[in-house]
mmCIF file of all heavy atoms, coordinates in Angstrom:
data_MODEL
# 
_entry.id   MODEL 
# 
loop_
_atom_site.group_PDB 
_atom_site.id 
_atom_site.type_symbol 
_atom_site.label_atom_id 
_atom_site.label_alt_id 
_atom_site.label_comp_id 
_atom_site.label_asym_id 
_atom_site.label_entity_id 
_atom_site.label_seq_id 
_atom_site.pdbx_PDB_ins_code 
_atom_site.Cartn_x 
_atom_site.Cartn_y 
_atom_site.Cartn_z 
_atom_site.occupancy 
_atom_site.B_iso_or_equiv 
_atom_site.pdbx_formal_charge 
_atom_site.auth_seq_id 
_atom_site.auth_comp_id 
_atom_site.auth_asym_id 
_atom_site.auth_atom_id 
_atom_site.pdbx_PDB_model_num 
ATOM 1   N N   . PRO A 1 1  ? 0.817   -1.218 -0.020 1.00 0.00 ? 1  PRO A N   1 
ATOM 2   C CA  . PRO A 1 1  ? -0.001  -0.005 0.008  1.00 0.00 ? 1  PRO A CA  1 
ATOM 3   C C   . PRO A 1 1  ? 0.845   1.257  0.012  1.00 0.00 ? 1  PRO A C   1 
ATOM 4   O O   . PRO A 1 1  ? 1.903   1.288  0.636  1.00 0.00 ? 1  PRO A O   1 
ATOM 5   C CB  . PRO A 1 1  ? -0.795  -0.117 1.298  1.00 0.00 ? 1  PRO A CB  1 
ATOM 6   C CG  . PRO A 1 1  ? -0.724  -1.551 1.691  1.00 0.00 ? 1  PRO A CG  1 
ATOM 7   C CD  . PRO A 1 1  ? 0.583   -2.058 1.154  1.00 0.00 ? 1  PRO A CD  1 
ATOM 8   N N   . SER A 1 2  ? 0.457   2.241  -0.769 1.00 0.00 ? 2  SER A N   1 
ATOM 9   C CA  . SER A 1 2  ? 1.191   3.506  -0.764 1.00 0.00 ? 2  SER A CA  1 
ATOM 10  C C   . SER A 1 2  ? 0.861   4.272  0.520  1.00 0.00 ? 2  SER A C   1 
ATOM 11  O O   . SER A 1 2  ? -0.206  4.132  1.094  1.00 0.00 ? 2  SER A O   1 
ATOM 12  C CB  . SER A 1 2  ? 0.803   4.340  -2.006 1.00 0.00 ? 2  SER A CB  1 
ATOM 13  O OG  . SER A 1 2  ? -0.565  4.654  -1.958 1.00 0.00 ? 2  SER A OG  1 
ATOM 14  N N   . MET A 1 3  ? 1.801   5.146  0.911  1.00 0.00 ? 3  MET A N   1 
ATOM 15  C CA  . MET A 1 3  ? 1.570   5.916  2.134  1.00 0.00 ? 3  MET A CA  1 
ATOM 16  C C   . MET A 1 3  ? 1.562   7.395  1.746  1.00 0.00 ? 3  MET A C   1 
ATOM 17  O O   . MET A 1 3  ? 2.582   8.070  1.717  1.00 0.00 ? 3  MET A O   1 
ATOM 18  C CB  . MET A 1 3  ? 2.665   5.616  3.147  1.00 0.00 ? 3  MET A CB  1 
ATOM 19  C CG  . MET A 1 3  ? 2.513   4.261  3.782  1.00 0.00 ? 3  MET A CG  1 
ATOM 20  S SD  . MET A 1 3  ? 3.631   3.973  5.211  1.00 0.00 ? 3  MET A SD  1 
ATOM 21  C CE  . MET A 1 3  ? 5.179   3.679  4.315  1.00 0.00 ? 3  MET A CE  1 
ATOM 22  N N   . ALA A 1 4  ? 0.362   7.861  1.455  1.00 0.00 ? 4  ALA A N   1 
ATOM 23  C CA  . ALA A 1 4  ? 0.192   9.277  1.131  1.00 0.00 ? 4  ALA A CA  1 
ATOM 24  C C   . ALA A 1 4  ? 0.319   10.128 2.384  1.00 0.00 ? 4  ALA A C   1 
ATOM 25  O O   . ALA A 1 4  ? 0.223   9.615  3.504  1.00 0.00 ? 4  ALA A O   1 
ATOM 26  C CB  . ALA A 1 4  ? -1.180  9.466  0.492  1.00 0.00 ? 4  ALA A CB  1 
ATOM 27  N N   . ARG A 1 5  ? 0.520   11.399 2.212  1.00 0.00 ? 5  ARG A N   1 
ATOM 28  C CA  . ARG A 1 5  ? 0.501   12.314 3.317  1.00 0.00 ? 5  ARG A CA  1 
ATOM 29  C C   . ARG A 1 5  ? -0.778  12.228 4.105  1.00 0.00 ? 5  ARG A C   1 
ATOM 30  O O   . ARG A 1 5  ? -1.822  11.868 3.541  1.00 0.00 ? 5  ARG A O   1 
ATOM 31  C CB  . ARG A 1 5  ? 0.717   13.760 2.838  1.00 0.00 ? 5  ARG A CB  1 
ATOM 32  C CG  . ARG A 1 5  ? 2.124   14.060 2.374  1.00 0.00 ? 5  ARG A CG  1 
ATOM 33  C CD  . ARG A 1 5  ? 2.203   15.470 1.801  1.00 0.00 ? 5  ARG A CD  1 
ATOM 34  N NE  . ARG A 1 5  ? 1.873   16.450 2.792  1.00 0.00 ? 5  ARG A NE  1 
ATOM 35  C CZ  . ARG A 1 5  ? 2.772   17.216 3.411  1.00 0.00 ? 5  ARG A CZ  1 
ATOM 36  N NH1 . ARG A 1 5  ? 4.061   17.035 3.143  1.00 0.00 ? 5  ARG A NH1 1 
ATOM 37  N NH2 . ARG A 1 5  ? 2.434   18.106 4.294  1.00 0.00 ? 5  ARG A NH2 1 
ATOM 38  N N   . VAL A 1 6  ? -0.753  12.519 5.364  1.00 0.00 ? 6  VAL A N   1 
ATOM 39  C CA  . VAL A 1 6  ? -1.925  12.454 6.207  1.00 0.00 ? 6  VAL A CA  1 
ATOM 40  C C   . VAL A 1 6  ? -2.617  13.809 6.213  1.00 0.00 ? 6  VAL A C   1 
ATOM 41  O O   . VAL A 1 6  ? -2.040  14.824 6.579  1.00 0.00 ? 6  VAL A O   1 
ATOM 42  C CB  . VAL A 1 6  ? -1.553  12.088 7.675  1.00 0.00 ? 6  VAL A CB  1 
ATOM 43  C CG1 . VAL A 1 6  ? -2.793  12.115 8.559  1.00 0.00 ? 6  VAL A CG1 1 
ATOM 44  C CG2 . VAL A 1 6  ? -0.870  10.719 7.712  1.00 0.00 ? 6  VAL A CG2 1 
ATOM 45  N N   . ASP A 1 7  ? -3.850  13.817 5.719  1.00 0.00 ? 7  ASP A N   1 
ATOM 46  C CA  . ASP A 1 7  ? -4.708  15.021 5.796  1.00 0.00 ? 7  ASP A CA  1 
ATOM 47  C C   . ASP A 1 7  ? -5.450  14.902 7.126  1.00 0.00 ? 7  ASP A C   1 
ATOM 48  O O   . ASP A 1 7  ? -6.336  14.073 7.309  1.00 0.00 ? 7  ASP A O   1 
ATOM 49  C CB  . ASP A 1 7  ? -5.677  15.044 4.655  1.00 0.00 ? 7  ASP A CB  1 
ATOM 50  C CG  . ASP A 1 7  ? -6.617  16.249 4.691  1.00 0.00 ? 7  ASP A CG  1 
ATOM 51  O OD1 . ASP A 1 7  ? -6.497  17.053 5.637  1.00 0.00 ? 7  ASP A OD1 1 
ATOM 52  O OD2 . ASP A 1 7  ? -7.456  16.370 3.801  1.00 0.00 ? 7  ASP A OD2 1 
ATOM 53  N N   . LEU A 1 8  ? -5.106  15.762 8.075  1.00 0.00 ? 8  LEU A N   1 
ATOM 54  C CA  . LEU A 1 8  ? -5.648  15.680 9.427  1.00 0.00 ? 8  LEU A CA  1 
ATOM 55  C C   . LEU A 1 8  ? -7.132  16.069 9.518  1.00 0.00 ? 8  LEU A C   1 
ATOM 56  O O   . LEU A 1 8  ? -7.771  15.790 10.533 1.00 0.00 ? 8  LEU A O   1 
ATOM 57  C CB  . LEU A 1 8  ? -4.786  16.483 10.398 1.00 0.00 ? 8  LEU A CB  1 
ATOM 58  C CG  . LEU A 1 8  ? -3.431  15.855 10.716 1.00 0.00 ? 8  LEU A CG  1 
ATOM 59  C CD1 . LEU A 1 8  ? -2.551  16.858 11.433 1.00 0.00 ? 8  LEU A CD1 1 
ATOM 60  C CD2 . LEU A 1 8  ? -3.639  14.605 11.569 1.00 0.00 ? 8  LEU A CD2 1 
ATOM 61  N N   . ASN A 1 9  ? -7.624  16.764 8.528  1.00 0.00 ? 9  ASN A N   1 
ATOM 62  C CA  . ASN A 1 9  ? -9.025  17.206 8.606  1.00 0.00 ? 9  ASN A CA  1 
ATOM 63  C C   . ASN A 1 9  ? -9.958  16.018 8.723  1.00 0.00 ? 9  ASN A C   1 
ATOM 64  O O   . ASN A 1 9  ? -9.999  15.154 7.820  1.00 0.00 ? 9  ASN A O   1 
ATOM 65  C CB  . ASN A 1 9  ? -9.353  18.055 7.372  1.00 0.00 ? 9  ASN A CB  1 
ATOM 66  C CG  . ASN A 1 9  ? -10.725 18.704 7.505  1.00 0.00 ? 9  ASN A CG  1 
ATOM 67  O OD1 . ASN A 1 9  ? -11.053 19.247 8.600  1.00 0.00 ? 9  ASN A OD1 1 
ATOM 68  N ND2 . ASN A 1 9  ? -11.489 18.701 6.468  1.00 0.00 ? 9  ASN A ND2 1 
ATOM 69  N N   . GLY A 1 10 ? -10.687 15.890 9.826  1.00 0.00 ? 10 GLY A N   1 
ATOM 70  C CA  . GLY A 1 10 ? -11.628 14.815 10.031 1.00 0.00 ? 10 GLY A CA  1 
ATOM 71  C C   . GLY A 1 10 ? -11.013 13.579 10.607 1.00 0.00 ? 10 GLY A C   1 
ATOM 72  O O   . GLY A 1 10 ? -11.770 12.611 10.979 1.00 0.00 ? 10 GLY A O   1 
ATOM 73  N N   . LYS A 1 11 ? -9.725  13.500 10.776 1.00 0.00 ? 11 LYS A N   1 
ATOM 74  C CA  . LYS A 1 11 ? -9.066  12.343 11.375 1.00 0.00 ? 11 LYS A CA  1 
ATOM 75  C C   . LYS A 1 11 ? -9.286  12.359 12.892 1.00 0.00 ? 11 LYS A C   1 
ATOM 76  O O   . LYS A 1 11 ? -9.482  13.426 13.498 1.00 0.00 ? 11 LYS A O   1 
ATOM 77  C CB  . LYS A 1 11 ? -7.589  12.317 11.072 1.00 0.00 ? 11 LYS A CB  1 
ATOM 78  C CG  . LYS A 1 11 ? -7.254  12.097 9.622  1.00 0.00 ? 11 LYS A CG  1 
ATOM 79  C CD  . LYS A 1 11 ? -7.678  10.715 9.140  1.00 0.00 ? 11 LYS A CD  1 
ATOM 80  C CE  . LYS A 1 11 ? -7.107  10.370 7.753  1.00 0.00 ? 11 LYS A CE  1 
ATOM 81  N NZ  . LYS A 1 11 ? -7.653  11.199 6.706  1.00 0.00 ? 11 LYS A NZ  1 
ATOM 82  N N   . VAL A 1 12 ? -9.245  11.183 13.521 1.00 0.00 ? 12 VAL A N   1 
ATOM 83  C CA  . VAL A 1 12 ? -9.416  11.050 14.949 1.00 0.00 ? 12 VAL A CA  1 
ATOM 84  C C   . VAL A 1 12 ? -8.041  10.760 15.588 1.00 0.00 ? 12 VAL A C   1 
ATOM 85  O O   . VAL A 1 12 ? -7.394  9.796  15.158 1.00 0.00 ? 12 VAL A O   1 
ATOM 86  C CB  . VAL A 1 12 ? -10.407 9.942  15.313 1.00 0.00 ? 12 VAL A CB  1 
ATOM 87  C CG1 . VAL A 1 12 ? -10.590 9.864  16.851 1.00 0.00 ? 12 VAL A CG1 1 
ATOM 88  C CG2 . VAL A 1 12 ? -11.739 10.175 14.625 1.00 0.00 ? 12 VAL A CG2 1 
ATOM 89  N N   . ALA A 1 13 ? -7.624  11.576 16.528 1.00 0.00 ? 13 ALA A N   1 
ATOM 90  C CA  . ALA A 1 13 ? -6.287  11.461 17.136 1.00 0.00 ? 13 ALA A CA  1 
ATOM 91  C C   . ALA A 1 13 ? -6.436  11.334 18.657 1.00 0.00 ? 13 ALA A C   1 
ATOM 92  O O   . ALA A 1 13 ? -7.179  12.071 19.273 1.00 0.00 ? 13 ALA A O   1 
ATOM 93  C CB  . ALA A 1 13 ? -5.407  12.662 16.789 1.00 0.00 ? 13 ALA A CB  1 
ATOM 94  N N   . LEU A 1 14 ? -5.680  10.393 19.232 1.00 0.00 ? 14 LEU A N   1 
ATOM 95  C CA  . LEU A 1 14 ? -5.604  10.244 20.679 1.00 0.00 ? 14 LEU A CA  1 
ATOM 96  C C   . LEU A 1 14 ? -4.221  10.674 21.131 1.00 0.00 ? 14 LEU A C   1 
ATOM 97  O O   . LEU A 1 14 ? -3.204  10.295 20.527 1.00 0.00 ? 14 LEU A O   1 
ATOM 98  C CB  . LEU A 1 14 ? -5.846  8.772  21.060 1.00 0.00 ? 14 LEU A CB  1 
ATOM 99  C CG  . LEU A 1 14 ? -5.795  8.429  22.555 1.00 0.00 ? 14 LEU A CG  1 
ATOM 100 C CD1 . LEU A 1 14 ? -6.857  7.394  22.899 1.00 0.00 ? 14 LEU A CD1 1 
ATOM 101 C CD2 . LEU A 1 14 ? -4.406  7.866  22.924 1.00 0.00 ? 14 LEU A CD2 1 
ATOM 102 N N   . VAL A 1 15 ? -4.173  11.477 22.215 1.00 0.00 ? 15 VAL A N   1 
ATOM 103 C CA  . VAL A 1 15 ? -2.918  11.952 22.776 1.00 0.00 ? 15 VAL A CA  1 
ATOM 104 C C   . VAL A 1 15 ? -2.895  11.633 24.256 1.00 0.00 ? 15 VAL A C   1 
ATOM 105 O O   . VAL A 1 15 ? -3.756  12.051 25.006 1.00 0.00 ? 15 VAL A O   1 
ATOM 106 C CB  . VAL A 1 15 ? -2.783  13.494 22.571 1.00 0.00 ? 15 VAL A CB  1 
ATOM 107 C CG1 . VAL A 1 15 ? -1.418  13.952 23.078 1.00 0.00 ? 15 VAL A CG1 1 
ATOM 108 C CG2 . VAL A 1 15 ? -2.967  13.902 21.112 1.00 0.00 ? 15 VAL A CG2 1 
ATOM 109 N N   . THR A 1 16 ? -1.873  10.887 24.696 1.00 0.00 ? 16 THR A N   1 
ATOM 110 C CA  . THR A 1 16 ? -1.738  10.558 26.113 1.00 0.00 ? 16 THR A CA  1 
ATOM 111 C C   . THR A 1 16 ? -0.907  11.659 26.813 1.00 0.00 ? 16 THR A C   1 
ATOM 112 O O   . THR A 1 16 ? -0.134  12.364 26.162 1.00 0.00 ? 16 THR A O   1 
ATOM 113 C CB  . THR A 1 16 ? -1.066  9.201  26.317 1.00 0.00 ? 16 THR A CB  1 
ATOM 114 O OG1 . THR A 1 16 ? 0.318   9.271  25.902 1.00 0.00 ? 16 THR A OG1 1 
ATOM 115 C CG2 . THR A 1 16 ? -1.794  8.092  25.537 1.00 0.00 ? 16 THR A CG2 1 
ATOM 116 N N   . GLY A 1 17 ? -1.102  11.789 28.117 1.00 0.00 ? 17 GLY A N   1 
ATOM 117 C CA  . GLY A 1 17 ? -0.393  12.814 28.878 1.00 0.00 ? 17 GLY A CA  1 
ATOM 118 C C   . GLY A 1 17 ? -0.743  14.210 28.367 1.00 0.00 ? 17 GLY A C   1 
ATOM 119 O O   . GLY A 1 17 ? 0.149   15.038 28.142 1.00 0.00 ? 17 GLY A O   1 
ATOM 120 N N   . ALA A 1 18 ? -2.030  14.473 28.124 1.00 0.00 ? 18 ALA A N   1 
ATOM 121 C CA  . ALA A 1 18 ? -2.447  15.605 27.337 1.00 0.00 ? 18 ALA A CA  1 
ATOM 122 C C   . ALA A 1 18 ? -3.010  16.764 28.161 1.00 0.00 ? 18 ALA A C   1 
ATOM 123 O O   . ALA A 1 18 ? -3.513  17.726 27.583 1.00 0.00 ? 18 ALA A O   1 
ATOM 124 C CB  . ALA A 1 18 ? -3.499  15.178 26.288 1.00 0.00 ? 18 ALA A CB  1 
ATOM 125 N N   . MET A 1 19 ? -2.936  16.738 29.473 1.00 0.00 ? 19 MET A N   1 
ATOM 126 C CA  . MET A 1 19 ? -3.570  17.846 30.207 1.00 0.00 ? 19 MET A CA  1 
ATOM 127 C C   . MET A 1 19 ? -2.696  19.062 30.312 1.00 0.00 ? 19 MET A C   1 
ATOM 128 O O   . MET A 1 19 ? -3.155  20.168 30.647 1.00 0.00 ? 19 MET A O   1 
ATOM 129 C CB  . MET A 1 19 ? -4.021  17.397 31.611 1.00 0.00 ? 19 MET A CB  1 
ATOM 130 C CG  . MET A 1 19 ? -2.963  17.156 32.603 1.00 0.00 ? 19 MET A CG  1 
ATOM 131 S SD  . MET A 1 19 ? -3.712  16.630 34.192 1.00 0.00 ? 19 MET A SD  1 
ATOM 132 C CE  . MET A 1 19 ? -2.206  16.457 35.230 1.00 0.00 ? 19 MET A CE  1 
ATOM 133 N N   . ARG A 1 20 ? -1.427  18.952 29.929 1.00 0.00 ? 20 ARG A N   1 
ATOM 134 C CA  . ARG A 1 20 ? -0.544  20.122 29.889 1.00 0.00 ? 20 ARG A CA  1 
ATOM 135 C C   . ARG A 1 20 ? 0.696   19.799 29.053 1.00 0.00 ? 20 ARG A C   1 
ATOM 136 O O   . ARG A 1 20 ? 0.846   18.685 28.553 1.00 0.00 ? 20 ARG A O   1 
ATOM 137 C CB  . ARG A 1 20 ? -0.134  20.576 31.283 1.00 0.00 ? 20 ARG A CB  1 
ATOM 138 C CG  . ARG A 1 20 ? 0.617   19.497 32.082 1.00 0.00 ? 20 ARG A CG  1 
ATOM 139 C CD  . ARG A 1 20 ? 1.135   20.095 33.392 1.00 0.00 ? 20 ARG A CD  1 
ATOM 140 N NE  . ARG A 1 20 ? 1.728   19.083 34.225 1.00 0.00 ? 20 ARG A NE  1 
ATOM 141 C CZ  . ARG A 1 20 ? 1.192   18.533 35.318 1.00 0.00 ? 20 ARG A CZ  1 
ATOM 142 N NH1 . ARG A 1 20 ? 0.004   18.937 35.700 1.00 0.00 ? 20 ARG A NH1 1 
ATOM 143 N NH2 . ARG A 1 20 ? 1.796   17.607 36.028 1.00 0.00 ? 20 ARG A NH2 1 
ATOM 144 N N   . GLY A 1 21 ? 1.564   20.786 28.882 1.00 0.00 ? 21 GLY A N   1 
ATOM 145 C CA  . GLY A 1 21 ? 2.854   20.579 28.235 1.00 0.00 ? 21 GLY A CA  1 
ATOM 146 C C   . GLY A 1 21 ? 2.716   20.190 26.777 1.00 0.00 ? 21 GLY A C   1 
ATOM 147 O O   . GLY A 1 21 ? 1.842   20.631 26.041 1.00 0.00 ? 21 GLY A O   1 
ATOM 148 N N   . ILE A 1 22 ? 3.661   19.320 26.338 1.00 0.00 ? 22 ILE A N   1 
ATOM 149 C CA  . ILE A 1 22 ? 3.687   18.896 24.934 1.00 0.00 ? 22 ILE A CA  1 
ATOM 150 C C   . ILE A 1 22 ? 2.366   18.231 24.541 1.00 0.00 ? 22 ILE A C   1 
ATOM 151 O O   . ILE A 1 22 ? 1.847   18.480 23.448 1.00 0.00 ? 22 ILE A O   1 
ATOM 152 C CB  . ILE A 1 22 ? 4.853   17.941 24.717 1.00 0.00 ? 22 ILE A CB  1 
ATOM 153 C CG1 . ILE A 1 22 ? 6.195   18.643 24.978 1.00 0.00 ? 22 ILE A CG1 1 
ATOM 154 C CG2 . ILE A 1 22 ? 4.843   17.389 23.281 1.00 0.00 ? 22 ILE A CG2 1 
ATOM 155 C CD1 . ILE A 1 22 ? 7.402   17.707 24.947 1.00 0.00 ? 22 ILE A CD1 1 
ATOM 156 N N   . GLY A 1 23 ? 1.816   17.402 25.417 1.00 0.00 ? 23 GLY A N   1 
ATOM 157 C CA  . GLY A 1 23 ? 0.599   16.674 25.049 1.00 0.00 ? 23 GLY A CA  1 
ATOM 158 C C   . GLY A 1 23 ? -0.582  17.622 24.792 1.00 0.00 ? 23 GLY A C   1 
ATOM 159 O O   . GLY A 1 23 ? -1.292  17.479 23.787 1.00 0.00 ? 23 GLY A O   1 
ATOM 160 N N   . PHE A 1 24 ? -0.760  18.598 25.650 1.00 0.00 ? 24 PHE A N   1 
ATOM 161 C CA  . PHE A 1 24 ? -1.841  19.554 25.479 1.00 0.00 ? 24 PHE A CA  1 
ATOM 162 C C   . PHE A 1 24 ? -1.657  20.351 24.190 1.00 0.00 ? 24 PHE A C   1 
ATOM 163 O O   . PHE A 1 24 ? -2.563  20.540 23.389 1.00 0.00 ? 24 PHE A O   1 
ATOM 164 C CB  . PHE A 1 24 ? -1.969  20.478 26.662 1.00 0.00 ? 24 PHE A CB  1 
ATOM 165 C CG  . PHE A 1 24 ? -2.964  21.610 26.455 1.00 0.00 ? 24 PHE A CG  1 
ATOM 166 C CD1 . PHE A 1 24 ? -4.322  21.339 26.460 1.00 0.00 ? 24 PHE A CD1 1 
ATOM 167 C CD2 . PHE A 1 24 ? -2.544  22.909 26.252 1.00 0.00 ? 24 PHE A CD2 1 
ATOM 168 C CE1 . PHE A 1 24 ? -5.281  22.340 26.255 1.00 0.00 ? 24 PHE A CE1 1 
ATOM 169 C CE2 . PHE A 1 24 ? -3.472  23.928 26.038 1.00 0.00 ? 24 PHE A CE2 1 
ATOM 170 C CZ  . PHE A 1 24 ? -4.828  23.648 26.042 1.00 0.00 ? 24 PHE A CZ  1 
ATOM 171 N N   . GLU A 1 25 ? -0.441  20.873 23.981 1.00 0.00 ? 25 GLU A N   1 
ATOM 172 C CA  . GLU A 1 25 ? -0.171  21.676 22.814 1.00 0.00 ? 25 GLU A CA  1 
ATOM 173 C C   . GLU A 1 25 ? -0.326  20.866 21.529 1.00 0.00 ? 25 GLU A C   1 
ATOM 174 O O   . GLU A 1 25 ? -0.764  21.382 20.505 1.00 0.00 ? 25 GLU A O   1 
ATOM 175 C CB  . GLU A 1 25 ? 1.227   22.296 22.889 1.00 0.00 ? 25 GLU A CB  1 
ATOM 176 C CG  . GLU A 1 25 ? 1.430   23.295 24.001 1.00 0.00 ? 25 GLU A CG  1 
ATOM 177 C CD  . GLU A 1 25 ? 0.580   24.587 23.805 1.00 0.00 ? 25 GLU A CD  1 
ATOM 178 O OE1 . GLU A 1 25 ? 0.144   24.844 22.651 1.00 0.00 ? 25 GLU A OE1 1 
ATOM 179 O OE2 . GLU A 1 25 ? 0.372   25.287 24.790 1.00 0.00 ? 25 GLU A OE2 1 
ATOM 180 N N   . THR A 1 26 ? 0.033   19.579 21.598 1.00 0.00 ? 26 THR A N   1 
ATOM 181 C CA  . THR A 1 26 ? -0.162  18.737 20.427 1.00 0.00 ? 26 THR A CA  1 
ATOM 182 C C   . THR A 1 26 ? -1.644  18.524 20.108 1.00 0.00 ? 26 THR A C   1 
ATOM 183 O O   . THR A 1 26 ? -2.054  18.601 18.970 1.00 0.00 ? 26 THR A O   1 
ATOM 184 C CB  . THR A 1 26 ? 0.539   17.360 20.668 1.00 0.00 ? 26 THR A CB  1 
ATOM 185 O OG1 . THR A 1 26 ? 1.943   17.559 20.837 1.00 0.00 ? 26 THR A OG1 1 
ATOM 186 C CG2 . THR A 1 26 ? 0.325   16.425 19.490 1.00 0.00 ? 26 THR A CG2 1 
ATOM 187 N N   . ALA A 1 27 ? -2.426  18.240 21.154 1.00 0.00 ? 27 ALA A N   1 
ATOM 188 C CA  . ALA A 1 27 ? -3.877  18.102 20.961 1.00 0.00 ? 27 ALA A CA  1 
ATOM 189 C C   . ALA A 1 27 ? -4.467  19.377 20.375 1.00 0.00 ? 27 ALA A C   1 
ATOM 190 O O   . ALA A 1 27 ? -5.307  19.328 19.443 1.00 0.00 ? 27 ALA A O   1 
ATOM 191 C CB  . ALA A 1 27 ? -4.536  17.745 22.286 1.00 0.00 ? 27 ALA A CB  1 
# 
């Protein structure tokens, strides 16, 4: 399978350690 760029619009993402710092800013 080819690996095209990820279009984040509409994608579902889970971020652990997300209440502050890098995790929060990433979310």
